[in-house]
Amino acid sequence: RLTGIYEVVLPPKLIEILALRESLSWLHKHNAYNVYFESDAKVIVDAILNSQKD
């Protein structure tokens, strides 16, 4: 889980990725499908979109 107190500074991109992964895990656990995500993290959005093309 990603809850708790941490004394580590993580890069914002990594935080965005971890939040997305946790969200996807929660949705899968609760059988939620056809969900749309929005993000202002262009690098992450581009990486996801490009991975779908492979």
PDB file of N, CA and C in Angstrom:
ATOM      1  N   ARG A   1       0.838  -1.185   0.000  1.00  0.00           N
ATOM      2  CA  ARG A   1       0.000   0.000   0.000  1.00  0.00           C
ATOM      3  C   ARG A   1       0.876   1.238   0.000  1.00  0.00           C
ATOM      4  N   LEU A   2       0.313   2.315  -0.471  1.00  0.00           N
ATOM      5  CA  LEU A   2       1.061   3.565  -0.564  1.00  0.00           C
ATOM      6  C   LEU A   2       0.657   4.553   0.524  1.00  0.00           C
ATOM      7  N   THR A   3       0.050   4.057   1.589  1.00  0.00           N
ATOM      8  CA  THR A   3      -0.324   4.955   2.667  1.00  0.00           C
ATOM      9  C   THR A   3       0.721   4.891   3.767  1.00  0.00           C
ATOM     10  N   GLY A   4       0.861   5.962   4.503  1.00  0.00           N
ATOM     11  CA  GLY A   4       1.824   6.001   5.587  1.00  0.00           C
ATOM     12  C   GLY A   4       2.708   7.220   5.475  1.00  0.00           C
ATOM     13  N   ILE A   5       3.658   7.309   6.375  1.00  0.00           N
ATOM     14  CA  ILE A   5       4.583   8.435   6.393  1.00  0.00           C
ATOM     15  C   ILE A   5       5.923   7.955   5.856  1.00  0.00           C
ATOM     16  N   TYR A   6       6.423   8.674   4.865  1.00  0.00           N
ATOM     17  CA  TYR A   6       7.694   8.324   4.255  1.00  0.00           C
ATOM     18  C   TYR A   6       8.607   9.539   4.283  1.00  0.00           C
ATOM     19  N   GLU A   7       9.882   9.317   4.515  1.00  0.00           N
ATOM     20  CA  GLU A   7      10.861  10.401   4.513  1.00  0.00           C
ATOM     21  C   GLU A   7      11.719  10.330   3.256  1.00  0.00           C
ATOM     22  N   VAL A   8      11.087  10.077   2.142  1.00  0.00           N
ATOM     23  CA  VAL A   8      11.781   9.945   0.867  1.00  0.00           C
ATOM     24  C   VAL A   8      11.175  10.944  -0.102  1.00  0.00           C
ATOM     25  N   VAL A   9      12.015  11.606  -0.861  1.00  0.00           N
ATOM     26  CA  VAL A   9      11.530  12.520  -1.889  1.00  0.00           C
ATOM     27  C   VAL A   9      11.590  11.776  -3.219  1.00  0.00           C
ATOM     28  N   LEU A  10      10.434  11.588  -3.823  1.00  0.00           N
ATOM     29  CA  LEU A  10      10.359  10.883  -5.094  1.00  0.00           C
ATOM     30  C   LEU A  10      10.061  11.867  -6.216  1.00  0.00           C
ATOM     31  N   PRO A  11      10.536  11.570  -7.403  1.00  0.00           N
ATOM     32  CA  PRO A  11      10.249  12.447  -8.540  1.00  0.00           C
ATOM     33  C   PRO A  11       8.744  12.489  -8.828  1.00  0.00           C
ATOM     34  N   PRO A  12       8.227  13.644  -9.216  1.00  0.00           N
ATOM     35  CA  PRO A  12       6.792  13.777  -9.499  1.00  0.00           C
ATOM     36  C   PRO A  12       6.274  12.760 -10.514  1.00  0.00           C
ATOM     37  N   LYS A  13       7.065  12.447 -11.536  1.00  0.00           N
ATOM     38  CA  LYS A  13       6.618  11.470 -12.536  1.00  0.00           C
ATOM     39  C   LYS A  13       6.389  10.108 -11.899  1.00  0.00           C
ATOM     40  N   LEU A  14       7.268   9.731 -10.991  1.00  0.00           N
ATOM     41  CA  LEU A  14       7.119   8.450 -10.315  1.00  0.00           C
ATOM     42  C   LEU A  14       5.865   8.446  -9.448  1.00  0.00           C
ATOM     43  N   ILE A  15       5.588   9.545  -8.772  1.00  0.00           N
ATOM     44  CA  ILE A  15       4.378   9.652  -7.952  1.00  0.00           C
ATOM     45  C   ILE A  15       3.135   9.500  -8.826  1.00  0.00           C
ATOM     46  N   GLU A  16       3.129  10.149  -9.987  1.00  0.00           N
ATOM     47  CA  GLU A  16       1.998  10.034 -10.923  1.00  0.00           C
ATOM     48  C   GLU A  16       1.803   8.579 -11.351  1.00  0.00           C
ATOM     49  N   ILE A  17       2.896   7.905 -11.674  1.00  0.00           N
ATOM     50  CA  ILE A  17       2.809   6.512 -12.113  1.00  0.00           C
ATOM     51  C   ILE A  17       2.295   5.620 -10.986  1.00  0.00           C
ATOM     52  N   LEU A  18       2.803   5.819  -9.782  1.00  0.00           N
ATOM     53  CA  LEU A  18       2.354   5.018  -8.640  1.00  0.00           C
ATOM     54  C   LEU A  18       0.877   5.253  -8.341  1.00  0.00           C
ATOM     55  N   ALA A  19       0.434   6.498  -8.455  1.00  0.00           N
ATOM     56  CA  ALA A  19      -0.980   6.811  -8.226  1.00  0.00           C
ATOM     57  C   ALA A  19      -1.858   6.143  -9.278  1.00  0.00           C
ATOM     58  N   LEU A  20      -1.416   6.172 -10.523  1.00  0.00           N
ATOM     59  CA  LEU A  20      -2.175   5.517 -11.591  1.00  0.00           C
ATOM     60  C   LEU A  20      -2.235   4.014 -11.362  1.00  0.00           C
ATOM     61  N   ARG A  21      -1.103   3.427 -11.014  1.00  0.00           N
ATOM     62  CA  ARG A  21      -1.072   1.981 -10.766  1.00  0.00           C
ATOM     63  C   ARG A  21      -1.992   1.600  -9.609  1.00  0.00           C
ATOM     64  N   GLU A  22      -1.971   2.376  -8.546  1.00  0.00           N
ATOM     65  CA  GLU A  22      -2.839   2.100  -7.398  1.00  0.00           C
ATOM     66  C   GLU A  22      -4.308   2.239  -7.788  1.00  0.00           C
ATOM     67  N   SER A  23      -4.619   3.239  -8.603  1.00  0.00           N
ATOM     68  CA  SER A  23      -5.996   3.431  -9.081  1.00  0.00           C
ATOM     69  C   SER A  23      -6.447   2.243  -9.918  1.00  0.00           C
ATOM     70  N   LEU A  24      -5.590   1.795 -10.826  1.00  0.00           N
ATOM     71  CA  LEU A  24      -5.933   0.644 -11.666  1.00  0.00           C
ATOM     72  C   LEU A  24      -6.130  -0.610 -10.826  1.00  0.00           C
ATOM     73  N   SER A  25      -5.304  -0.785  -9.825  1.00  0.00           N
ATOM     74  CA  SER A  25      -5.436  -1.931  -8.932  1.00  0.00           C
ATOM     75  C   SER A  25      -6.767  -1.889  -8.181  1.00  0.00           C
ATOM     76  N   TRP A  26      -7.127  -0.714  -7.682  1.00  0.00           N
ATOM     77  CA  TRP A  26      -8.390  -0.554  -6.956  1.00  0.00           C
ATOM     78  C   TRP A  26      -9.577  -0.837  -7.879  1.00  0.00           C
ATOM     79  N   LEU A  27      -9.533  -0.304  -9.090  1.00  0.00           N
ATOM     80  CA  LEU A  27     -10.618  -0.523 -10.051  1.00  0.00           C
ATOM     81  C   LEU A  27     -10.760  -2.000 -10.392  1.00  0.00           C
ATOM     82  N   HIS A  28      -9.635  -2.667 -10.599  1.00  0.00           N
ATOM     83  CA  HIS A  28      -9.670  -4.095 -10.910  1.00  0.00           C
ATOM     84  C   HIS A  28     -10.271  -4.884  -9.743  1.00  0.00           C
ATOM     85  N   LYS A  29      -9.868  -4.549  -8.547  1.00  0.00           N
ATOM     86  CA  LYS A  29     -10.372  -5.229  -7.347  1.00  0.00           C
ATOM     87  C   LYS A  29     -11.878  -5.061  -7.197  1.00  0.00           C
ATOM     88  N   HIS A  30     -12.399  -3.910  -7.630  1.00  0.00           N
ATOM     89  CA  HIS A  30     -13.829  -3.617  -7.499  1.00  0.00           C
ATOM     90  C   HIS A  30     -14.599  -3.843  -8.805  1.00  0.00           C
ATOM     91  N   ASN A  31     -13.976  -4.580  -9.728  1.00  0.00           N
ATOM     92  CA  ASN A  31     -14.609  -4.938 -11.000  1.00  0.00           C
ATOM     93  C   ASN A  31     -15.174  -3.736 -11.744  1.00  0.00           C
ATOM     94  N   ALA A  32     -14.445  -2.662 -11.751  1.00  0.00           N
ATOM     95  CA  ALA A  32     -14.862  -1.453 -12.472  1.00  0.00           C
ATOM     96  C   ALA A  32     -14.178  -1.445 -13.837  1.00  0.00           C
ATOM     97  N   TYR A  33     -14.981  -1.284 -14.866  1.00  0.00           N
ATOM     98  CA  TYR A  33     -14.459  -1.293 -16.230  1.00  0.00           C
ATOM     99  C   TYR A  33     -14.978  -0.075 -16.981  1.00  0.00           C
ATOM    100  N   ASN A  34     -14.448   0.147 -18.178  1.00  0.00           N
ATOM    101  CA  ASN A  34     -14.831   1.303 -19.003  1.00  0.00           C
ATOM    102  C   ASN A  34     -14.635   2.611 -18.249  1.00  0.00           C
ATOM    103  N   VAL A  35     -13.473   2.752 -17.662  1.00  0.00           N
ATOM    104  CA  VAL A  35     -13.131   3.934 -16.878  1.00  0.00           C
ATOM    105  C   VAL A  35     -12.183   4.801 -17.699  1.00  0.00           C
ATOM    106  N   TYR A  36     -12.380   6.099 -17.654  1.00  0.00           N
ATOM    107  CA  TYR A  36     -11.512   7.042 -18.356  1.00  0.00           C
ATOM    108  C   TYR A  36     -10.617   7.747 -17.351  1.00  0.00           C
ATOM    109  N   PHE A  37      -9.355   7.893 -17.693  1.00  0.00           N
ATOM    110  CA  PHE A  37      -8.409   8.611 -16.850  1.00  0.00           C
ATOM    111  C   PHE A  37      -8.000   9.898 -17.535  1.00  0.00           C
ATOM    112  N   GLU A  38      -7.767  10.911 -16.740  1.00  0.00           N
ATOM    113  CA  GLU A  38      -7.219  12.168 -17.239  1.00  0.00           C
ATOM    114  C   GLU A  38      -5.953  12.471 -16.453  1.00  0.00           C
ATOM    115  N   SER A  39      -4.987  13.059 -17.136  1.00  0.00           N
ATOM    116  CA  SER A  39      -3.738  13.406 -16.477  1.00  0.00           C
ATOM    117  C   SER A  39      -3.102  14.588 -17.179  1.00  0.00           C
ATOM    118  N   ASP A  40      -2.389  15.384 -16.410  1.00  0.00           N
ATOM    119  CA  ASP A  40      -1.637  16.491 -16.999  1.00  0.00           C
ATOM    120  C   ASP A  40      -0.154  16.143 -17.106  1.00  0.00           C
ATOM    121  N   ALA A  41       0.170  14.882 -16.847  1.00  0.00           N
ATOM    122  CA  ALA A  41       1.555  14.422 -16.937  1.00  0.00           C
ATOM    123  C   ALA A  41       1.802  13.907 -18.358  1.00  0.00           C
ATOM    124  N   LYS A  42       2.189  14.812 -19.251  1.00  0.00           N
ATOM    125  CA  LYS A  42       2.326  14.490 -20.673  1.00  0.00           C
ATOM    126  C   LYS A  42       3.272  13.323 -20.934  1.00  0.00           C
ATOM    127  N   VAL A  43       4.370  13.265 -20.247  1.00  0.00           N
ATOM    128  CA  VAL A  43       5.341  12.189 -20.467  1.00  0.00           C
ATOM    129  C   VAL A  43       4.706  10.831 -20.183  1.00  0.00           C
ATOM    130  N   ILE A  44       3.932  10.756 -19.122  1.00  0.00           N
ATOM    131  CA  ILE A  44       3.293   9.496 -18.750  1.00  0.00           C
ATOM    132  C   ILE A  44       2.181   9.144 -19.731  1.00  0.00           C
ATOM    133  N   VAL A  45       1.367  10.124 -20.095  1.00  0.00           N
ATOM    134  CA  VAL A  45       0.295   9.886 -21.065  1.00  0.00           C
ATOM    135  C   VAL A  45       0.887   9.407 -22.386  1.00  0.00           C
ATOM    136  N   ASP A  46       1.922  10.071 -22.858  1.00  0.00           N
ATOM    137  CA  ASP A  46       2.570   9.673 -24.110  1.00  0.00           C
ATOM    138  C   ASP A  46       3.129   8.252 -24.016  1.00  0.00           C
ATOM    139  N   ALA A  47       3.731   7.912 -22.890  1.00  0.00           N
ATOM    140  CA  ALA A  47       4.294   6.571 -22.714  1.00  0.00           C
ATOM    141  C   ALA A  47       3.196   5.512 -22.760  1.00  0.00           C
ATOM    142  N   ILE A  48       2.066   5.786 -22.132  1.00  0.00           N
ATOM    143  CA  ILE A  48       0.949   4.834 -22.141  1.00  0.00           C
ATOM    144  C   ILE A  48       0.389   4.694 -23.552  1.00  0.00           C
ATOM    145  N   LEU A  49       0.173   5.811 -24.220  1.00  0.00           N
ATOM    146  CA  LEU A  49      -0.373   5.764 -25.579  1.00  0.00           C
ATOM    147  C   LEU A  49       0.583   5.054 -26.535  1.00  0.00           C
ATOM    148  N   ASN A  50       1.875   5.304 -26.399  1.00  0.00           N
ATOM    149  CA  ASN A  50       2.858   4.650 -27.269  1.00  0.00           C
ATOM    150  C   ASN A  50       2.972   3.160 -26.978  1.00  0.00           C
ATOM    151  N   SER A  51       2.778   2.753 -25.726  1.00  0.00           N
ATOM    152  CA  SER A  51       2.867   1.331 -25.390  1.00  0.00           C
ATOM    153  C   SER A  51       1.693   0.559 -25.980  1.00  0.00           C
ATOM    154  N   GLN A  52       0.562   1.233 -26.187  1.00  0.00           N
ATOM    155  CA  GLN A  52      -0.601   0.578 -26.786  1.00  0.00           C
ATOM    156  C   GLN A  52      -0.390   0.330 -28.272  1.00  0.00           C
ATOM    157  N   LYS A  53       0.497   1.078 -28.903  1.00  0.00           N
ATOM    158  CA  LYS A  53       0.769   0.917 -30.330  1.00  0.00           C
ATOM    159  C   LYS A  53       1.700  -0.252 -30.605  1.00  0.00           C
ATOM    160  N   ASP A  54       2.468  -0.671 -29.593  1.00  0.00           N
ATOM    161  CA  ASP A  54       3.445  -1.761 -29.774  1.00  0.00           C
ATOM    162  C   ASP A  54       2.779  -3.115 -29.852  1.00  0.00           C
TER     163      ASP A  54
END
